[in-house]
C-alpha atoms as a PDB file:
ATOM      1  CA  MET A   1      93.805  50.305  54.534  1.00  0.00           C
ATOM      2  CA  ASN A   2      90.398  49.304  52.466  1.00  0.00           C
ATOM      3  CA  PHE A   3      87.509  47.002  54.679  1.00  0.00           C
ATOM      4  CA  THR A   4      83.999  46.944  55.794  1.00  0.00           C
ATOM      5  CA  ALA A   5      82.651  46.681  59.184  1.00  0.00           C
ATOM      6  CA  ILE A   6      79.719  44.862  59.907  1.00  0.00           C
ATOM      7  CA  ASP A   7      77.647  44.707  63.035  1.00  0.00           C
ATOM      8  CA  PHE A   8      74.352  42.147  63.776  1.00  0.00           C
ATOM      9  CA  GLU A   9      71.584  42.234  66.281  1.00  0.00           C
ATOM     10  CA  THR A  10      69.209  39.744  67.144  1.00  0.00           C
ATOM     11  CA  ALA A  11      65.666  39.509  68.133  1.00  0.00           C
ATOM     12  CA  ASN A  12      66.215  35.725  69.911  1.00  0.00           C
ATOM     13  CA  SER A  13      68.583  33.675  70.556  1.00  0.00           C
ATOM     14  CA  SER A  14      68.263  32.158  67.063  1.00  0.00           C
ATOM     15  CA  ARG A  15      71.229  33.313  64.992  1.00  0.00           C
ATOM     16  CA  SER A  16      68.739  33.687  62.199  1.00  0.00           C
ATOM     17  CA  SER A  17      66.633  36.560  64.209  1.00  0.00           C
ATOM     18  CA  ALA A  18      68.705  39.548  61.966  1.00  0.00           C
ATOM     19  CA  CYS A  19      66.911  42.305  63.332  1.00  0.00           C
ATOM     20  CA  ALA A  20      69.623  45.150  62.454  1.00  0.00           C
ATOM     21  CA  VAL A  21      72.806  45.600  60.755  1.00  0.00           C
ATOM     22  CA  GLY A  22      75.039  48.224  60.527  1.00  0.00           C
ATOM     23  CA  LEU A  23      78.022  48.307  58.048  1.00  0.00           C
ATOM     24  CA  VAL A  24      80.961  51.226  57.879  1.00  0.00           C
ATOM     25  CA  GLN A  25      83.212  51.265  54.652  1.00  0.00           C
ATOM     26  CA  VAL A  26      86.433  52.298  54.779  1.00  0.00           C
ATOM     27  CA  ARG A  27      88.430  53.278  51.959  1.00  0.00           C
ATOM     28  CA  GLU A  28      92.232  54.713  52.434  1.00  0.00           C
ATOM     29  CA  GLY A  29      91.812  54.286  56.218  1.00  0.00           C
ATOM     30  CA  VAL A  30      89.029  57.139  55.934  1.00  0.00           C
ATOM     31  CA  VAL A  31      85.345  56.473  56.502  1.00  0.00           C
ATOM     32  CA  SER A  32      83.806  56.695  53.183  1.00  0.00           C
ATOM     33  CA  ALA A  33      80.006  55.641  53.795  1.00  0.00           C
ATOM     34  CA  GLU A  34      77.811  54.261  56.675  1.00  0.00           C
ATOM     35  CA  HIS A  35      74.498  52.233  56.328  1.00  0.00           C
ATOM     36  CA  VAL A  36      72.639  50.664  58.794  1.00  0.00           C
ATOM     37  CA  TRP A  37      69.050  48.601  58.604  1.00  0.00           C
ATOM     38  CA  LEU A  38      65.999  47.536  60.916  1.00  0.00           C
ATOM     39  CA  ILE A  39      65.289  43.995  59.675  1.00  0.00           C
ATOM     40  CA  ASP A  40      61.838  42.175  59.996  1.00  0.00           C
ATOM     41  CA  PRO A  41      62.842  38.611  61.506  1.00  0.00           C
ATOM     42  CA  GLN A  42      59.773  37.138  61.270  1.00  0.00           C
ATOM     43  CA  GLN A  43      60.300  35.783  64.649  1.00  0.00           C
ATOM     44  CA  ARG A  44      59.139  36.593  68.448  1.00  0.00           C
ATOM     45  CA  PHE A  45      61.526  39.334  70.166  1.00  0.00           C
ATOM     46  CA  ASP A  46      63.166  37.994  73.647  1.00  0.00           C
ATOM     47  CA  GLY A  47      62.934  40.184  76.604  1.00  0.00           C
ATOM     48  CA  MET A  48      66.628  39.883  77.207  1.00  0.00           C
ATOM     49  CA  ASN A  49      67.475  40.875  73.701  1.00  0.00           C
ATOM     50  CA  ILE A  50      65.192  44.000  73.574  1.00  0.00           C
ATOM     51  CA  SER A  51      66.622  45.010  77.060  1.00  0.00           C
ATOM     52  CA  ILE A  52      70.113  44.648  75.175  1.00  0.00           C
ATOM     53  CA  HIS A  53      69.411  46.818  71.762  1.00  0.00           C
ATOM     54  CA  GLY A  54      66.627  48.547  72.391  1.00  0.00           C
ATOM     55  CA  ILE A  55      64.972  47.139  69.480  1.00  0.00           C
ATOM     56  CA  THR A  56      61.054  46.184  69.955  1.00  0.00           C
ATOM     57  CA  PRO A  57      58.224  44.691  67.356  1.00  0.00           C
ATOM     58  CA  SER A  58      56.932  47.732  66.523  1.00  0.00           C
ATOM     59  CA  MET A  59      60.013  49.146  65.522  1.00  0.00           C
ATOM     60  CA  VAL A  60      60.257  46.306  62.886  1.00  0.00           C
ATOM     61  CA  GLU A  61      56.937  46.549  61.425  1.00  0.00           C
ATOM     62  CA  GLY A  62      56.824  47.210  57.543  1.00  0.00           C
ATOM     63  CA  LYS A  63      61.230  46.751  57.612  1.00  0.00           C
ATOM     64  CA  PRO A  64      62.307  44.547  54.787  1.00  0.00           C
ATOM     65  CA  THR A  65      62.726  40.906  55.596  1.00  0.00           C
ATOM     66  CA  PHE A  66      66.573  39.889  55.258  1.00  0.00           C
ATOM     67  CA  ASP A  67      65.641  38.038  52.125  1.00  0.00           C
ATOM     68  CA  GLU A  68      64.254  41.217  50.597  1.00  0.00           C
ATOM     69  CA  LEU A  69      67.514  43.063  51.792  1.00  0.00           C
ATOM     70  CA  TRP A  70      69.682  40.810  50.736  1.00  0.00           C
ATOM     71  CA  PRO A  71      70.283  41.804  46.974  1.00  0.00           C
ATOM     72  CA  THR A  72      71.060  45.651  48.926  1.00  0.00           C
ATOM     73  CA  LEU A  73      73.474  44.192  51.479  1.00  0.00           C
ATOM     74  CA  GLU A  74      75.557  41.848  49.399  1.00  0.00           C
ATOM     75  CA  PRO A  75      77.208  44.110  47.018  1.00  0.00           C
ATOM     76  CA  LEU A  76      78.533  46.210  49.918  1.00  0.00           C
ATOM     77  CA  LEU A  77      80.134  42.793  50.682  1.00  0.00           C
ATOM     78  CA  GLN A  78      81.133  41.117  47.912  1.00  0.00           C
ATOM     79  CA  GLY A  79      85.103  40.406  47.399  1.00  0.00           C
ATOM     80  CA  GLU A  80      85.809  43.291  50.520  1.00  0.00           C
ATOM     81  CA  VAL A  81      87.668  42.008  53.560  1.00  0.00           C
ATOM     82  CA  VAL A  82      85.146  42.347  56.444  1.00  0.00           C
ATOM     83  CA  ILE A  83      85.662  42.885  60.109  1.00  0.00           C
ATOM     84  CA  ALA A  84      83.707  42.494  63.081  1.00  0.00           C
ATOM     85  CA  HIS A  85      84.176  42.622  66.883  1.00  0.00           C
ATOM     86  CA  ASN A  86      83.246  38.902  67.761  1.00  0.00           C
ATOM     87  CA  ALA A  87      83.252  37.682  63.908  1.00  0.00           C
ATOM     88  CA  ALA A  88      82.253  34.237  65.103  1.00  0.00           C
ATOM     89  CA  PHE A  89      78.709  35.918  66.258  1.00  0.00           C
ATOM     90  CA  ASP A  90      78.368  38.151  63.349  1.00  0.00           C
ATOM     91  CA  MET A  91      79.396  35.560  60.287  1.00  0.00           C
ATOM     92  CA  SER A  92      77.316  33.416  61.885  1.00  0.00           C
ATOM     93  CA  VAL A  93      74.219  35.554  62.030  1.00  0.00           C
ATOM     94  CA  LEU A  94      74.487  36.171  58.196  1.00  0.00           C
ATOM     95  CA  ARG A  95      75.027  32.799  57.398  1.00  0.00           C
ATOM     96  CA  TYR A  96      71.997  31.451  59.348  1.00  0.00           C
ATOM     97  CA  CYS A  97      70.086  34.275  57.611  1.00  0.00           C
ATOM     98  CA  LEU A  98      71.277  33.113  54.165  1.00  0.00           C
ATOM     99  CA  ASP A  99      71.002  29.332  54.802  1.00  0.00           C
ATOM    100  CA  ARG A 100      67.077  30.105  56.424  1.00  0.00           C
ATOM    101  CA  THR A 101      66.340  31.983  52.736  1.00  0.00           C
ATOM    102  CA  ALA A 102      67.672  29.615  50.156  1.00  0.00           C
ATOM    103  CA  CYS A 103      70.085  32.584  49.539  1.00  0.00           C
ATOM    104  CA  SER A 104      73.912  31.893  47.815  1.00  0.00           C
ATOM    105  CA  TYR A 105      76.590  32.885  50.254  1.00  0.00           C
ATOM    106  CA  PRO A 106      78.604  36.022  48.870  1.00  0.00           C
ATOM    107  CA  GLU A 107      82.835  35.937  48.765  1.00  0.00           C
ATOM    108  CA  PHE A 108      84.814  37.722  51.058  1.00  0.00           C
ATOM    109  CA  GLN A 109      87.481  37.465  53.633  1.00  0.00           C
ATOM    110  CA  TYR A 110      86.900  38.679  57.113  1.00  0.00           C
ATOM    111  CA  MET A 111      88.444  39.616  60.076  1.00  0.00           C
ATOM    112  CA  CYS A 112      87.696  39.731  64.215  1.00  0.00           C
ATOM    113  CA  THR A 113      88.948  42.690  65.815  1.00  0.00           C
ATOM    114  CA  TYR A 114      88.139  41.177  69.308  1.00  0.00           C
ATOM    115  CA  LEU A 115      90.605  38.234  68.672  1.00  0.00           C
ATOM    116  CA  LEU A 116      92.990  40.795  67.388  1.00  0.00           C
ATOM    117  CA  SER A 117      92.210  43.057  70.344  1.00  0.00           C
ATOM    118  CA  LYS A 118      92.838  39.938  72.432  1.00  0.00           C
ATOM    119  CA  LYS A 119      96.562  39.453  71.433  1.00  0.00           C
ATOM    120  CA  MET A 120      97.485  42.800  70.688  1.00  0.00           C
ATOM    121  CA  LEU A 121      96.235  44.069  74.075  1.00  0.00           C
ATOM    122  CA  GLN A 122      96.741  41.873  76.757  1.00  0.00           C
ATOM    123  CA  GLU A 123      96.965  44.661  79.477  1.00  0.00           C
ATOM    124  CA  LEU A 124      93.324  45.033  79.370  1.00  0.00           C
ATOM    125  CA  PRO A 125      91.264  43.154  81.752  1.00  0.00           C
ATOM    126  CA  SER A 126      88.498  42.152  79.182  1.00  0.00           C
ATOM    127  CA  HIS A 127      88.096  42.657  75.349  1.00  0.00           C
ATOM    128  CA  LYS A 128      85.002  43.553  75.020  1.00  0.00           C
ATOM    129  CA  LEU A 129      84.036  46.581  72.171  1.00  0.00           C
ATOM    130  CA  ASN A 130      83.223  48.571  74.995  1.00  0.00           C
ATOM    131  CA  VAL A 131      86.324  47.992  77.019  1.00  0.00           C
ATOM    132  CA  VAL A 132      88.381  48.018  73.870  1.00  0.00           C
ATOM    133  CA  SER A 133      86.903  51.315  72.781  1.00  0.00           C
ATOM    134  CA  GLN A 134      87.229  53.235  76.182  1.00  0.00           C
ATOM    135  CA  HIS A 135      91.088  52.086  76.265  1.00  0.00           C
ATOM    136  CA  PHE A 136      91.118  53.979  72.479  1.00  0.00           C
ATOM    137  CA  GLY A 137      89.013  56.808  73.454  1.00  0.00           C
ATOM    138  CA  ILE A 138      86.554  55.451  70.831  1.00  0.00           C
ATOM    139  CA  SER A 139      82.975  56.579  71.445  1.00  0.00           C
ATOM    140  CA  LEU A 140      80.384  53.860  71.562  1.00  0.00           C
ATOM    141  CA  LYS A 141      76.775  53.517  72.057  1.00  0.00           C
ATOM    142  CA  HIS A 142      76.924  49.781  72.795  1.00  0.00           C
ATOM    143  CA  HIS A 143      74.452  47.292  70.772  1.00  0.00           C
ATOM    144  CA  ASP A 144      73.419  49.871  68.015  1.00  0.00           C
ATOM    145  CA  ALA A 145      74.297  48.261  65.206  1.00  0.00           C
ATOM    146  CA  LEU A 146      75.831  51.127  63.290  1.00  0.00           C
ATOM    147  CA  ASP A 147      77.621  52.216  66.338  1.00  0.00           C
ATOM    148  CA  ASP A 148      79.365  48.925  66.829  1.00  0.00           C
ATOM    149  CA  ALA A 149      80.446  48.657  63.396  1.00  0.00           C
ATOM    150  CA  ARG A 150      81.934  52.107  63.604  1.00  0.00           C
ATOM    151  CA  ALA A 151      84.042  50.993  66.571  1.00  0.00           C
ATOM    152  CA  ALA A 152      85.032  48.047  65.089  1.00  0.00           C
ATOM    153  CA  ALA A 153      86.402  49.940  62.402  1.00  0.00           C
ATOM    154  CA  ALA A 154      87.743  52.622  64.723  1.00  0.00           C
ATOM    155  CA  ILE A 155      89.585  49.953  66.537  1.00  0.00           C
ATOM    156  CA  LEU A 156      91.257  48.011  63.553  1.00  0.00           C
ATOM    157  CA  LEU A 157      92.459  51.402  62.476  1.00  0.00           C
ATOM    158  CA  LYS A 158      94.039  51.973  65.639  1.00  0.00           C
ATOM    159  CA  LEU A 159      95.955  48.569  65.845  1.00  0.00           C
ATOM    160  CA  MET A 160      96.648  49.046  62.635  1.00  0.00           C
ATOM    161  CA  GLU A 161      98.300  52.597  63.519  1.00  0.00           C
ATOM    162  CA  ARG A 162      99.922  50.918  66.211  1.00  0.00           C
ATOM    163  CA  GLU A 163     101.840  48.078  64.057  1.00  0.00           C
ATOM    164  CA  GLN A 164     102.489  50.476  61.181  1.00  0.00           C
ATOM    165  CA  HIS A 165     100.333  48.381  58.620  1.00  0.00           C
ATOM    166  CA  THR A 166      98.248  49.813  56.084  1.00  0.00           C
ATOM    167  CA  ASP A 167      96.899  46.151  55.200  1.00  0.00           C
ATOM    168  CA  PRO A 168      94.515  44.726  57.703  1.00  0.00           C
ATOM    169  CA  LEU A 169      95.405  41.270  56.032  1.00  0.00           C
ATOM    170  CA  LEU A 170      99.186  41.957  56.803  1.00  0.00           C
ATOM    171  CA  LEU A 171      98.391  42.728  60.556  1.00  0.00           C
ATOM    172  CA  ALA A 172      96.483  39.768  60.874  1.00  0.00           C
ATOM    173  CA  GLY A 173      99.069  37.591  59.606  1.00  0.00           C
ATOM    174  CA  SER A 174     101.671  39.644  61.321  1.00  0.00           C
ATOM    175  CA  GLN A 175      99.537  38.681  64.698  1.00  0.00           C
ATOM    176  CA  GLY A 176      99.573  34.423  63.278  1.00  0.00           C
ATOM    177  CA  TYR A 177      96.043  34.917  62.366  1.00  0.00           C
ATOM    178  CA  LYS A 178      95.069  33.473  58.970  1.00  0.00           C
ATOM    179  CA  ALA A 179      91.887  35.299  56.968  1.00  0.00           C
ATOM    180  CA  GLY A 180      88.451  33.750  57.548  1.00  0.00           C
ATOM    181  CA  THR A 181      86.398  33.185  54.441  1.00  0.00           C
ATOM    182  CA  MET A 182      83.206  32.734  53.335  1.00  0.00           C
ATOM    183  CA  TYR A 183      82.286  31.725  49.679  1.00  0.00           C
ATOM    184  CA  ALA A 184      79.688  29.744  47.648  1.00  0.00           C
ATOM    185  CA  GLY A 185      78.913  26.930  49.557  1.00  0.00           C
ATOM    186  CA  GLY A 186      80.428  27.340  52.979  1.00  0.00           C
ATOM    187  CA  TYR A 187      83.306  29.198  54.957  1.00  0.00           C
ATOM    188  CA  THR A 188      86.581  28.992  56.899  1.00  0.00           C
ATOM    189  CA  PRO A 189      87.039  30.593  60.534  1.00  0.00           C
ATOM    190  CA  PHE A 190      89.400  33.456  61.242  1.00  0.00           C
ATOM    191  CA  LYS A 191      92.107  31.385  63.179  1.00  0.00           C
ATOM    192  CA  SER A 192      95.510  30.855  64.018  1.00  0.00           C
ATOM    193  CA  PRO A 193      97.340  27.806  63.195  1.00  0.00           C
ATOM    194  CA  PRO A 194      97.382  25.495  64.969  1.00  0.00           C
ATOM    195  CA  LYS A 195     100.539  24.600  67.105  1.00  0.00           C
ATOM    196  CA  LYS A 196     102.924  22.197  65.948  1.00  0.00           C
ATOM    197  CA  LYS A 197     103.170  19.431  69.150  1.00  0.00           C
ATOM    198  CA  ALA A 198     106.861  19.124  70.791  1.00  0.00           C
ATOM    199  CA  LYS A 199     108.202  15.573  69.851  1.00  0.00           C
ATOM    200  CA  LYS A 200     108.331  13.325  73.312  1.00  0.00           C
ATOM    201  CA  ALA A 201     111.939  12.364  73.712  1.00  0.00           C
ATOM    202  CA  ALA A 202     111.854   8.420  73.778  1.00  0.00           C
ATOM    203  CA  ALA A 203     111.778   7.083  77.230  1.00  0.00           C
ATOM    204  CA  PRO A 204     115.310   5.299  77.996  1.00  0.00           C
ATOM    205  CA  LYS A 205     114.784   1.256  78.121  1.00  0.00           C
ATOM    206  CA  THR A 206     114.905  -0.748  81.768  1.00  0.00           C
ATOM    207  CA  SER A 207     116.122  -4.382  82.069  1.00  0.00           C
ATOM    208  CA  GLY A 208     113.724  -4.819  85.100  1.00  0.00           C
ATOM    209  CA  PRO A 209     110.706  -7.167  84.493  1.00  0.00           C
ATOM    210  CA  LYS A 210     108.157  -6.662  81.871  1.00  0.00           C
ATOM    211  CA  SER A 211     104.775  -4.540  83.248  1.00  0.00           C
ATOM    212  CA  LEU A 212     101.753  -6.699  82.465  1.00  0.00           C
ATOM    213  CA  PRO A 213      99.771  -5.947  79.355  1.00  0.00           C
ATOM    214  CA  PRO A 214      96.477  -3.766  80.183  1.00  0.00           C
ATOM    215  CA  SER A 215      93.877  -6.979  79.595  1.00  0.00           C
ATOM    216  CA  SER A 216      95.388  -8.434  82.845  1.00  0.00           C
ATOM    217  CA  ILE A 217      94.872  -5.605  84.969  1.00  0.00           C
ATOM    218  CA  SER A 218      90.795  -5.980  86.293  1.00  0.00           C
ATOM    219  CA  PRO A 219      88.886  -3.008  84.882  1.00  0.00           C
ATOM    220  CA  ARG A 220      86.972  -3.168  88.629  1.00  0.00           C
ATOM    221  CA  GLN A 221      90.163  -2.609  90.506  1.00  0.00           C
ATOM    222  CA  GLY A 222      92.539  -0.497  87.583  1.00  0.00           C
ATOM    223  CA  ALA A 223      95.962   0.074  88.789  1.00  0.00           C
ATOM    224  CA  SER A 224      95.048   2.110  92.093  1.00  0.00           C
ATOM    225  CA  GLY A 225      92.375  -0.690  93.290  1.00  0.00           C
ATOM    226  CA  ASN A 226      89.166   1.021  92.456  1.00  0.00           C
ATOM    227  CA  SER A 227      86.919   1.768  89.646  1.00  0.00           C
ATOM    228  CA  SER A 228      86.981   5.624  89.050  1.00  0.00           C
ATOM    229  CA  ALA A 229      90.829   5.315  88.160  1.00  0.00           C
ATOM    230  CA  TRP A 230      89.754   3.889  85.353  1.00  0.00           C
ATOM    231  CA  SER A 231      87.033   6.330  84.807  1.00  0.00           C
ATOM    232  CA  ASN A 232      90.063   9.130  84.008  1.00  0.00           C
ATOM    233  CA  PHE A 233      91.542   6.860  81.372  1.00  0.00           C
ATOM    234  CA  PHE A 234      87.581   7.024  79.121  1.00  0.00           C
END
């Protein structure tokens, strides 16, 4: 039961504008360390984002930029199983910040507690972090980077306990998901393998007259005598 939960907050709609990050390390099923940093995104803050997480420009004055923080952050992620609630967002923030600062990608596997919850807790009306946290009785100060990471870690532990798994990767596999990866130069998403399409049965042959080839039907009229029928095919 070893993994690291992560959560980013951003200053604006740009994924490269990380202004806070929280990390929670779990070892043998127990929280062993917690870390949180404010980050100077060197970008504008949008009022909408401030209203969500409460972080203002004055709060990040004098705080490290992402590239200054990265030498501290990287060893905490390298080689880990990293989890996040809506990992597609947090992993994209990490990638965009690394791309913006020309830092190399670390190597780790990652999982999404949002997608796992959606698959395993289908009785819930929503699978947002606050809803799943409430379902499990997990206290949460939503959109606080550290508290969100704590909640994601607690949710994964609850899901593992429910299925009697001690390995997060085995839990993901049991639900049909393959771990996402980040590696030098690229990444793969956390996702379920595509479903195989069922083979269609061959249509029985008929002895009636052959239908006209498509080229003999007027594109203007189409099969139903109007142009809108053709627009549905292209």
